[in-house]
C-alpha cells in the first residue's frame, strides 16, 4: 500500500503534481508524521514522474540511515542502488527528511510580479487549439470585450472568483436572460480560463463553480407541430411561388418541409444539400447528410420515403447536379464562415412558416418537424435505435456503436410512416 501511495498525483484545483508516501511504522518517531507529502512543482506529467523518482530515492536513503545500515568507511550512506545490489558509487549523507522539497530553478513570482496575460490573447489561443466553430467564435468574442470593460483591465491572471460572480450579477441586472448568461457569457469565460489553467498559464480557474440558476421552462403544449399545423404548412408548399423570390428559395419552400416531415432531420442539415447528396444504394434512393453540417460531426445516409419519390424530389435533386438545391451562392446573402448561406435559407424559411399563421411561440417553425417525426415514430413502434440513426441522434449506449443500420432496414421503418394527404 505504501508504494501505491507514492505515485505522483495531480492536485484537483491547481493541477500541480505532488508525491504522497506513507511512513513505515518503525520510522514514525524519527519523521514525526504518518505520511509525507511533497510538491513536485510542475504540471507536466513527464517531468513529475522524473521528480517523483528523485524524491523517492532521497526518502529511501534517509530511511536507510534510520535503520543504521550500509555505511561506508567515511560514515556516509551507501547509495540506494548499491544497497539493493545494483552497484553504483557511494553517496554522501543526505539532507534531513524535512528538506526533501525539490529546489525550484528560481523563486516563483507573486501574482503582482508576474507579467500580464491578456485575456484576448488567451482567448485567441483557445480558439486556435480547440478549433471552435465560426458560429461560436462570433457569439463568444463580444463576451470577452464585455468582461474586460466590466473589470477595467484585461489581465487574465488578475481575475478572481469574486470578479466573475460580480460580472454575472451585473449581466442579470441588465436584463439578460439567465440561460444566456449561463450558456454564453459564463460558459465562454469558464472555457477560456480553463484552457489557461490547462496550459499552465493560470494557477486556477476562477469561473469554476460559478453558477447561474435557470428556472425550468414551463411546457404548455407539445413541442412538435400538430396535425393541423403540419397540414397547413405542407399545403402552402404546393402553391405557385411568387415571382419575387429566386428559383432556389422557391425550391426551399417546396421541398424542405416535406423532407423534414419524412426524415426528422435538422433544417440546417437539409439546406446545404446538393444534387450529389442524392444517390441509389442497393436500388434504394438515398439522401446523404454530410458530417460538416451535422451537429454530431458524423455523416449519415437516409432512404427517401415513397411519398417524396412520388412527388419528384429525387428527380429534382439529380437535375441540379453538383449545385446546391436551395440557394445560389452567387446571389444569396451570407457566405461567411460565421454566417453561411445555408443558415440564411433556414432563417428565411422560418419567417415564411410564421407568415402562414404558424405563430405560436411555443413551437419552433423548423424544428417542430423533428419533434413531430419522433412522435410519429413512437406511434408506429419504430425501434429506438433505428429512429436515432435516421434522425442523427448521438449514441447513448455502447451497444448503439456496434453494427450498422442497413438501408433496407431504415427503408422498411420509414415506409411505415403514413403519407401526409394534403
Protein backbone atom coordinates (compact mmCIF):
# COMPACT_ATOMS: atom_id res chain seq x y z
CA UNK A 1 0.00 0.00 0.00
CA UNK A 2 2.89 2.39 0.78
CA UNK A 3 4.21 2.10 -2.77
CA UNK A 4 0.76 2.72 -4.23
CA UNK A 5 0.54 5.98 -2.31
CA UNK A 6 3.94 7.07 -3.64
CA UNK A 7 2.76 7.51 -7.24
CA UNK A 8 2.65 11.18 -8.37
CA UNK A 9 -0.78 12.76 -8.08
CA UNK A 10 -2.27 15.91 -9.55
CA UNK A 11 -3.89 18.48 -7.28
CA UNK A 12 -7.56 18.80 -8.35
CA UNK A 13 -7.56 22.61 -8.25
CA UNK A 14 -4.04 23.81 -9.07
CA UNK A 15 -3.14 20.90 -11.35
CA UNK A 16 0.34 20.70 -9.76
CA UNK A 17 1.69 17.18 -9.16
CA UNK A 18 2.76 16.04 -5.71
CA UNK A 19 4.22 12.92 -4.07
CA UNK A 20 2.37 11.20 -1.26
CA UNK A 21 4.04 8.37 0.66
CA UNK A 22 3.11 6.59 3.87
CA UNK A 23 5.78 6.48 6.59
CA UNK A 24 6.60 2.95 7.84
CA UNK A 25 5.70 2.33 11.49
CA UNK A 26 9.35 1.98 12.56
CA UNK A 27 10.23 5.47 11.26
CA UNK A 28 7.24 7.48 12.52
CA UNK A 29 9.08 8.57 15.67
CA UNK A 30 12.02 9.98 13.68
CA UNK A 31 9.89 11.56 10.93
CA UNK A 32 7.20 12.86 13.26
CA UNK A 33 4.27 12.16 10.93
CA UNK A 34 2.35 9.25 9.40
CA UNK A 35 2.57 10.44 5.81
CA UNK A 36 4.86 12.57 3.67
CA UNK A 37 3.54 15.00 1.06
CA UNK A 38 5.97 16.80 -1.22
CA UNK A 39 5.03 19.18 -4.04
CA UNK A 40 6.78 18.36 -7.32
CA UNK A 41 6.27 21.95 -8.55
CA UNK A 42 5.16 21.07 -12.06
CA UNK A 43 2.02 20.46 -14.06
CA UNK A 44 3.94 18.46 -16.66
CA UNK A 45 3.24 14.75 -16.20
CA UNK A 46 6.55 13.56 -17.68
CA UNK A 47 8.62 15.90 -15.52
CA UNK A 48 6.53 14.95 -12.48
CA UNK A 49 7.43 11.28 -12.93
CA UNK A 50 11.15 12.11 -13.01
CA UNK A 51 10.96 14.33 -9.91
CA UNK A 52 8.83 11.72 -8.17
CA UNK A 53 11.60 9.12 -8.61
CA UNK A 54 14.25 11.56 -7.40
CA UNK A 55 12.35 12.39 -4.22
CA UNK A 56 11.51 8.73 -3.63
CA UNK A 57 15.23 7.85 -3.82
CA UNK A 58 16.03 10.63 -1.37
CA UNK A 59 13.42 9.34 1.08
CA UNK A 60 14.60 5.75 0.85
CA UNK A 61 18.19 6.83 1.56
CA UNK A 62 17.05 8.65 4.67
CA UNK A 63 15.18 5.61 5.90
CA UNK A 64 18.29 3.50 5.31
CA UNK A 65 20.10 5.87 7.68
CA UNK A 66 17.40 5.39 10.30
CA UNK A 67 17.97 1.63 10.06
CA UNK A 68 21.71 2.17 10.60
CA UNK A 69 22.71 0.15 7.54
CA UNK A 70 25.00 0.45 4.55
CA UNK A 71 27.54 2.91 5.99
CA UNK A 72 30.92 3.24 4.21
CA UNK A 73 34.32 3.78 5.88
CA UNK A 74 33.80 7.54 6.00
CA UNK A 75 30.48 7.17 7.75
CA UNK A 76 28.50 8.06 4.65
CA UNK A 77 25.38 6.22 3.49
CA UNK A 78 25.82 3.81 0.58
CA UNK A 79 23.67 4.78 -2.41
CA UNK A 80 20.21 3.19 -2.57
CA UNK A 81 21.07 1.43 -5.82
CA UNK A 82 24.09 -0.23 -4.20
CA UNK A 83 22.05 -1.29 -1.16
CA UNK A 84 19.67 -3.08 -3.48
CA UNK A 85 22.51 -4.87 -5.22
CA UNK A 86 22.53 -2.83 -8.41
CA UNK A 87 26.01 -1.41 -7.85
CA UNK A 88 26.97 2.24 -8.06
CA UNK A 89 29.11 4.73 -6.19
CA UNK A 90 28.68 5.54 -2.54
CA UNK A 91 26.55 8.53 -1.71
CA UNK A 92 27.21 11.32 0.73
CA UNK A 93 24.87 11.62 3.70
CA UNK A 94 21.56 13.10 2.55
CA UNK A 95 19.78 16.12 3.94
CA UNK A 96 17.23 15.70 6.75
CA UNK A 97 13.77 14.48 5.81
CA UNK A 98 12.33 17.98 6.25
CA UNK A 99 14.40 19.28 3.30
CA UNK A 100 13.08 16.86 0.71
CA UNK A 101 11.24 19.56 -1.21
CA UNK A 102 12.82 19.86 -4.71
CA UNK A 103 14.62 23.10 -5.31
CA UNK A 104 12.94 25.43 -7.75
CA UNK A 105 15.07 26.95 -10.51
CA UNK A 106 14.04 30.34 -9.15
CA UNK A 107 11.61 31.83 -6.69
CA UNK A 108 8.11 31.90 -8.07
CA UNK A 109 6.88 35.40 -8.70
CA UNK A 110 3.85 36.62 -6.81
CA UNK A 111 0.69 37.43 -8.74
CA UNK A 112 1.58 41.12 -8.78
CA UNK A 113 5.10 40.37 -10.05
CA UNK A 114 4.09 38.02 -12.86
CA UNK A 115 3.76 39.51 -16.35
CA UNK A 116 0.28 40.35 -17.57
CA UNK A 117 -1.59 37.67 -19.54
CA UNK A 118 -4.03 39.43 -21.84
CA UNK A 119 -7.43 37.77 -21.82
CA UNK A 120 -7.89 38.32 -25.55
CA UNK A 121 -4.56 36.61 -26.30
CA UNK A 122 -5.54 33.63 -24.17
CA UNK A 123 -8.92 33.50 -25.91
CA UNK A 124 -7.31 33.56 -29.38
CA UNK A 125 -5.02 30.67 -28.41
CA UNK A 126 -8.03 28.74 -27.17
CA UNK A 127 -9.92 29.35 -30.44
CA UNK A 128 -6.98 28.04 -32.44
CA UNK A 129 -6.29 24.90 -30.41
CA UNK A 130 -9.93 23.96 -29.78
CA UNK A 131 -10.85 24.71 -33.40
CA UNK A 132 -14.02 26.46 -32.29
CA UNK A 133 -16.83 26.65 -34.80
CA UNK A 134 -17.10 30.04 -36.52
CA UNK A 135 -20.58 30.49 -35.04
CA UNK A 136 -19.18 30.01 -31.52
CA UNK A 137 -16.37 32.48 -32.20
CA UNK A 138 -18.88 35.03 -33.46
CA UNK A 139 -21.00 34.67 -30.33
CA UNK A 140 -18.23 34.43 -27.75
CA UNK A 141 -15.89 37.18 -28.95
CA UNK A 142 -18.08 40.09 -27.73
CA UNK A 143 -18.29 38.34 -24.36
CA UNK A 144 -14.58 38.88 -23.76
CA UNK A 145 -14.97 42.56 -24.55
CA UNK A 146 -17.86 42.86 -22.09
CA UNK A 147 -15.80 41.24 -19.33
CA UNK A 148 -12.75 43.45 -19.92
CA UNK A 149 -14.98 46.54 -19.90
CA UNK A 150 -16.55 45.44 -16.60
CA UNK A 151 -13.20 44.66 -14.94
CA UNK A 152 -11.36 47.72 -16.16
CA UNK A 153 -8.33 45.59 -17.10
CA UNK A 154 -7.53 42.70 -19.43
CA UNK A 155 -5.18 40.60 -17.26
CA UNK A 156 -6.47 37.02 -17.06
CA UNK A 157 -4.16 36.35 -14.10
CA UNK A 158 -5.78 39.11 -12.06
CA UNK A 159 -9.34 37.79 -12.42
CA UNK A 160 -10.77 36.45 -9.18
CA UNK A 161 -13.79 34.32 -8.43
CA UNK A 162 -15.43 37.40 -6.92
CA UNK A 163 -14.87 39.27 -10.20
CA UNK A 164 -16.70 36.59 -12.18
CA UNK A 165 -19.60 36.49 -9.72
CA UNK A 166 -19.91 40.28 -9.73
CA UNK A 167 -19.89 40.31 -13.55
CA UNK A 168 -22.55 37.59 -13.65
CA UNK A 169 -24.74 39.59 -11.27
CA UNK A 170 -24.29 42.73 -13.39
CA UNK A 171 -25.41 40.91 -16.54
CA UNK A 172 -28.51 39.61 -14.80
CA UNK A 173 -29.38 43.10 -13.52
CA UNK A 174 -29.13 44.36 -17.11
CA UNK A 175 -31.98 42.03 -18.00
CA UNK A 176 -30.02 39.44 -19.98
CA UNK A 177 -31.81 36.09 -19.73
CA UNK A 178 -30.45 33.70 -17.11
CA UNK A 179 -29.96 30.94 -19.64
CA UNK A 180 -27.98 33.29 -21.92
CA UNK A 181 -25.75 34.41 -19.05
CA UNK A 182 -25.14 30.77 -18.13
CA UNK A 183 -24.72 29.20 -21.57
CA UNK A 184 -22.97 32.07 -23.36
CA UNK A 185 -21.30 34.58 -21.05
CA UNK A 186 -20.16 32.43 -18.14
CA UNK A 187 -19.57 29.39 -20.36
CA UNK A 188 -17.25 31.32 -22.70
CA UNK A 189 -15.17 32.74 -19.84
CA UNK A 190 -15.04 29.44 -17.98
CA UNK A 191 -13.82 27.55 -21.07
CA UNK A 192 -11.17 30.18 -21.84
CA UNK A 193 -9.79 30.31 -18.30
CA UNK A 194 -9.80 26.51 -18.08
CA UNK A 195 -7.63 26.48 -21.20
CA UNK A 196 -5.26 28.87 -19.44
CA UNK A 197 -5.12 26.56 -16.42
CA UNK A 198 -4.51 23.50 -18.61
CA UNK A 199 -1.67 25.33 -20.35
CA UNK A 200 -0.03 26.21 -17.04
CA UNK A 201 -0.64 29.92 -17.59
CA UNK A 202 -3.03 30.25 -14.63
CA UNK A 203 -2.91 28.92 -11.09
CA UNK A 204 -6.66 28.27 -11.01
CA UNK A 205 -9.88 28.79 -12.96
CA UNK A 206 -11.87 31.38 -11.01
CA UNK A 207 -15.02 30.70 -13.06
CA UNK A 208 -15.27 27.09 -11.90
CA UNK A 209 -18.26 26.67 -9.62
CA UNK A 210 -19.87 30.00 -10.60
CA UNK A 211 -23.49 29.06 -11.23
CA UNK A 212 -26.45 30.81 -12.80
CA UNK A 213 -29.80 29.47 -11.66
CA UNK A 214 -32.14 28.92 -14.59
CA UNK A 215 -35.79 28.26 -13.95
CA UNK A 216 -37.07 25.26 -15.82
CA UNK A 217 -39.25 26.39 -18.70
CA UNK A 218 -42.92 25.52 -18.36
CA UNK A 219 -44.21 23.34 -21.22
CA UNK A 220 -47.85 24.02 -22.05
CA UNK A 221 -48.13 22.27 -25.41
CA UNK A 222 -46.40 19.55 -27.43
CA UNK A 223 -43.07 20.53 -28.98
CA UNK A 224 -43.90 19.23 -32.43
CA UNK A 225 -46.42 20.53 -34.95
CA UNK A 226 -49.99 19.41 -34.50
CA UNK A 227 -51.64 17.60 -37.41
CA UNK A 228 -53.44 20.82 -38.34
CA UNK A 229 -50.24 22.90 -38.30
CA UNK A 230 -48.37 20.30 -40.33
CA UNK A 231 -51.14 20.15 -42.93
CA UNK A 232 -51.28 23.94 -43.19
CA UNK A 233 -47.54 24.18 -43.92
CA UNK A 234 -47.47 21.30 -46.40
CA UNK A 235 -50.46 22.69 -48.30
CA UNK A 236 -48.66 26.01 -48.63
CA UNK A 237 -45.62 24.26 -50.18
CA UNK A 238 -47.77 23.24 -53.17
CA UNK A 239 -48.88 26.77 -54.04
CA UNK A 240 -47.42 28.52 -57.05
CA UNK A 241 -44.44 30.55 -55.81
CA UNK A 242 -44.20 34.29 -56.11
CA UNK A 243 -42.12 35.60 -58.97
CA UNK A 244 -40.32 37.84 -56.49
CA UNK A 245 -38.29 35.01 -54.97
CA UNK A 246 -35.43 33.04 -56.53
CA UNK A 247 -35.83 29.60 -58.05
CA UNK A 248 -33.77 28.14 -55.22
CA UNK A 249 -35.83 29.79 -52.47
CA UNK A 250 -39.00 28.58 -54.15
CA UNK A 251 -37.50 25.09 -54.07
CA UNK A 252 -36.67 25.50 -50.39
CA UNK A 253 -40.30 26.29 -49.59
CA UNK A 254 -41.47 23.44 -51.81
CA UNK A 255 -39.22 20.64 -50.55
CA UNK A 256 -37.61 21.31 -47.16
CA UNK A 257 -40.79 20.96 -45.05
CA UNK A 258 -41.56 17.65 -46.77
CA UNK A 259 -38.01 16.33 -46.29
CA UNK A 260 -38.06 17.29 -42.60
CA UNK A 261 -41.51 15.75 -42.17
CA UNK A 262 -40.39 12.37 -43.53
CA UNK A 263 -36.85 12.22 -42.09
CA UNK A 264 -36.92 14.23 -38.85
CA UNK A 265 -33.67 15.90 -39.93
CA UNK A 266 -32.44 19.23 -38.60
CA UNK A 267 -33.20 22.02 -41.05
CA UNK A 268 -29.55 23.10 -41.27
CA UNK A 269 -28.67 19.57 -42.37
CA UNK A 270 -31.05 19.90 -45.31
CA UNK A 271 -30.40 23.45 -46.53
CA UNK A 272 -26.77 22.76 -47.69
CA UNK A 273 -27.67 19.68 -49.78
CA UNK A 274 -26.50 19.39 -53.40
CA UNK A 275 -27.64 17.08 -56.17
CA UNK A 276 -24.68 14.84 -55.45
CA UNK A 277 -26.04 14.13 -51.98
CA UNK A 278 -28.81 12.07 -53.57
CA UNK A 279 -27.92 8.60 -54.88
CA UNK A 280 -29.04 4.98 -55.03
CA UNK A 281 -27.69 2.13 -52.92
CA UNK A 282 -28.90 -1.43 -53.35
CA UNK A 283 -31.60 0.02 -55.59
CA UNK A 284 -32.86 2.32 -52.83
CA UNK A 285 -32.89 6.12 -53.39
CA UNK A 286 -30.91 7.71 -50.55
CA UNK A 287 -30.00 11.12 -49.14
CA UNK A 288 -26.63 11.84 -47.52
CA UNK A 289 -26.29 14.23 -44.58
CA UNK A 290 -22.69 15.43 -44.54
CA UNK A 291 -20.57 15.38 -41.37
CA UNK A 292 -19.56 19.04 -41.63
CA UNK A 293 -23.18 20.19 -41.38
CA UNK A 294 -24.19 17.62 -38.77
CA UNK A 295 -24.35 18.58 -35.09
CA UNK A 296 -22.77 15.23 -34.12
CA UNK A 297 -19.95 15.66 -36.71
CA UNK A 298 -20.93 12.30 -38.18
CA UNK A 299 -22.36 11.64 -41.64
CA UNK A 300 -25.46 9.55 -42.19
CA UNK A 301 -27.41 8.24 -45.16
CA UNK A 302 -31.20 8.04 -45.09
CA UNK A 303 -33.59 6.33 -47.53
CA UNK A 304 -36.26 8.55 -49.08
CA UNK A 305 -39.89 7.97 -48.16
CA UNK A 306 -42.07 6.72 -51.01
CA UNK A 307 -44.12 9.92 -50.94
CA UNK A 308 -41.01 12.04 -51.54
CA UNK A 309 -40.19 9.88 -54.57
CA UNK A 310 -43.77 10.11 -55.84
CA UNK A 311 -43.64 13.91 -55.64
CA UNK A 312 -40.38 14.03 -57.63
CA UNK A 313 -37.75 15.09 -55.07
CA UNK A 314 -35.15 12.64 -56.33
CA UNK A 315 -35.55 13.80 -59.94
CA UNK A 316 -35.28 17.46 -58.93
CA UNK A 317 -32.13 16.80 -56.91
CA UNK A 318 -30.37 14.87 -59.68
CA UNK A 319 -31.23 17.61 -62.16
CA UNK A 320 -29.26 20.10 -60.04
CA UNK A 321 -26.05 18.09 -60.47
CA UNK A 322 -23.28 19.43 -58.24
CA UNK A 323 -25.17 22.65 -57.45
CA UNK A 324 -26.81 23.37 -54.13
CA UNK A 325 -30.55 22.71 -54.13
CA UNK A 326 -31.87 25.63 -52.13
CA UNK A 327 -29.62 28.63 -52.74
CA UNK A 328 -27.23 30.06 -55.31
CA UNK A 329 -24.07 31.34 -53.59
CA UNK A 330 -23.63 33.92 -56.34
CA UNK A 331 -26.89 35.65 -55.40
CA UNK A 332 -27.62 34.69 -51.79
CA UNK A 333 -26.87 36.69 -48.69
CA UNK A 334 -24.33 35.24 -46.28
CA UNK A 335 -21.25 33.33 -47.28
CA UNK A 336 -19.03 33.98 -44.27
CA UNK A 337 -17.91 31.12 -42.05
CA UNK A 338 -19.86 32.66 -39.19
CA UNK A 339 -22.91 33.29 -41.39
CA UNK A 340 -23.08 30.61 -44.10
CA UNK A 341 -25.60 30.71 -46.94
CA UNK A 342 -27.46 27.62 -45.80
CA UNK A 343 -28.27 29.14 -42.40
CA UNK A 344 -29.77 32.20 -44.06
CA UNK A 345 -32.03 29.87 -46.06
CA UNK A 346 -33.25 28.29 -42.82
CA UNK A 347 -33.92 31.72 -41.31
CA UNK A 348 -35.94 32.87 -44.33
CA UNK A 349 -37.86 29.59 -44.37
CA UNK A 350 -38.76 30.08 -40.69
CA UNK A 351 -40.05 33.58 -41.46
CA UNK A 352 -42.19 32.17 -44.26
CA UNK A 353 -43.68 29.50 -41.96
CA UNK A 354 -44.55 32.16 -39.40
CA UNK A 355 -46.25 34.19 -42.12
CA UNK A 356 -48.58 31.26 -42.77
CA UNK A 357 -50.08 31.70 -39.33
CA UNK A 358 -47.90 29.16 -37.50
CA UNK A 359 -47.14 31.85 -34.96
CA UNK A 360 -47.34 30.00 -31.64
CA UNK A 361 -44.00 30.90 -29.95
CA UNK A 362 -44.07 27.59 -28.10
CA UNK A 363 -43.28 25.64 -31.29
CA UNK A 364 -40.25 26.30 -33.48
CA UNK A 365 -41.07 26.90 -37.17
CA UNK A 366 -38.42 24.49 -38.48
CA UNK A 367 -37.55 22.26 -35.54
CA UNK A 368 -41.20 21.40 -34.98
CA UNK A 369 -40.87 18.77 -37.74
CA UNK A 370 -38.12 16.97 -35.82
CA UNK A 371 -40.30 16.62 -32.73
CA UNK A 372 -43.31 15.54 -34.79
CA UNK A 373 -41.26 12.85 -36.57
CA UNK A 374 -40.19 11.41 -33.21
CA UNK A 375 -43.82 11.30 -32.06
CA UNK A 376 -44.93 9.52 -35.21
CA UNK A 377 -42.00 7.07 -34.98
CA UNK A 378 -43.14 6.09 -31.49
CA UNK A 379 -46.73 5.68 -32.66
CA UNK A 380 -45.70 3.15 -35.33
CA UNK A 381 -43.35 1.34 -32.90
CA UNK A 382 -40.21 2.19 -34.86
CA UNK A 383 -37.24 0.70 -32.96
CA UNK A 384 -35.46 3.41 -30.98
CA UNK A 385 -32.01 2.58 -32.37
CA UNK A 386 -33.28 2.83 -35.96
CA UNK A 387 -35.04 6.12 -35.21
CA UNK A 388 -31.86 7.53 -33.68
CA UNK A 389 -29.85 6.58 -36.77
CA UNK A 390 -32.40 8.15 -39.13
CA UNK A 391 -32.57 11.37 -37.11
CA UNK A 392 -28.85 11.52 -36.34
CA UNK A 393 -29.07 11.43 -32.55
CA UNK A 394 -25.78 10.84 -30.73
CA UNK A 395 -25.12 7.33 -29.41
CA UNK A 396 -26.31 6.96 -25.81
CA UNK A 397 -25.25 3.39 -25.16
CA UNK A 398 -22.18 1.37 -26.06
CA UNK A 399 -24.41 -1.10 -27.87
CA UNK A 400 -25.52 1.67 -30.25
CA UNK A 401 -21.98 1.87 -31.64
CA UNK A 402 -21.99 -1.72 -32.86
CA UNK A 403 -23.13 -2.74 -36.33
CA UNK A 404 -24.83 -0.63 -38.99
CA UNK A 405 -28.42 0.13 -39.88
CA UNK A 406 -28.64 -1.09 -43.45
CA UNK A 407 -30.65 0.95 -46.00
CA UNK A 408 -33.31 -1.72 -46.34
CA UNK A 409 -33.88 -1.70 -42.55
CA UNK A 410 -34.31 2.09 -42.42
CA UNK A 411 -36.45 1.97 -45.58
CA UNK A 412 -38.72 -0.66 -44.02
CA UNK A 413 -39.35 1.55 -40.98
CA UNK A 414 -39.73 4.81 -42.93
CA UNK A 415 -42.34 3.28 -45.22
CA UNK A 416 -44.48 2.61 -42.13
CA UNK A 417 -44.92 6.36 -41.67
CA UNK A 418 -48.38 7.31 -43.01
CA UNK A 419 -48.42 9.54 -46.04
CA UNK A 420 -49.41 13.18 -45.47
CA UNK A 421 -52.57 13.76 -47.52
CA UNK A 422 -52.97 17.45 -48.27
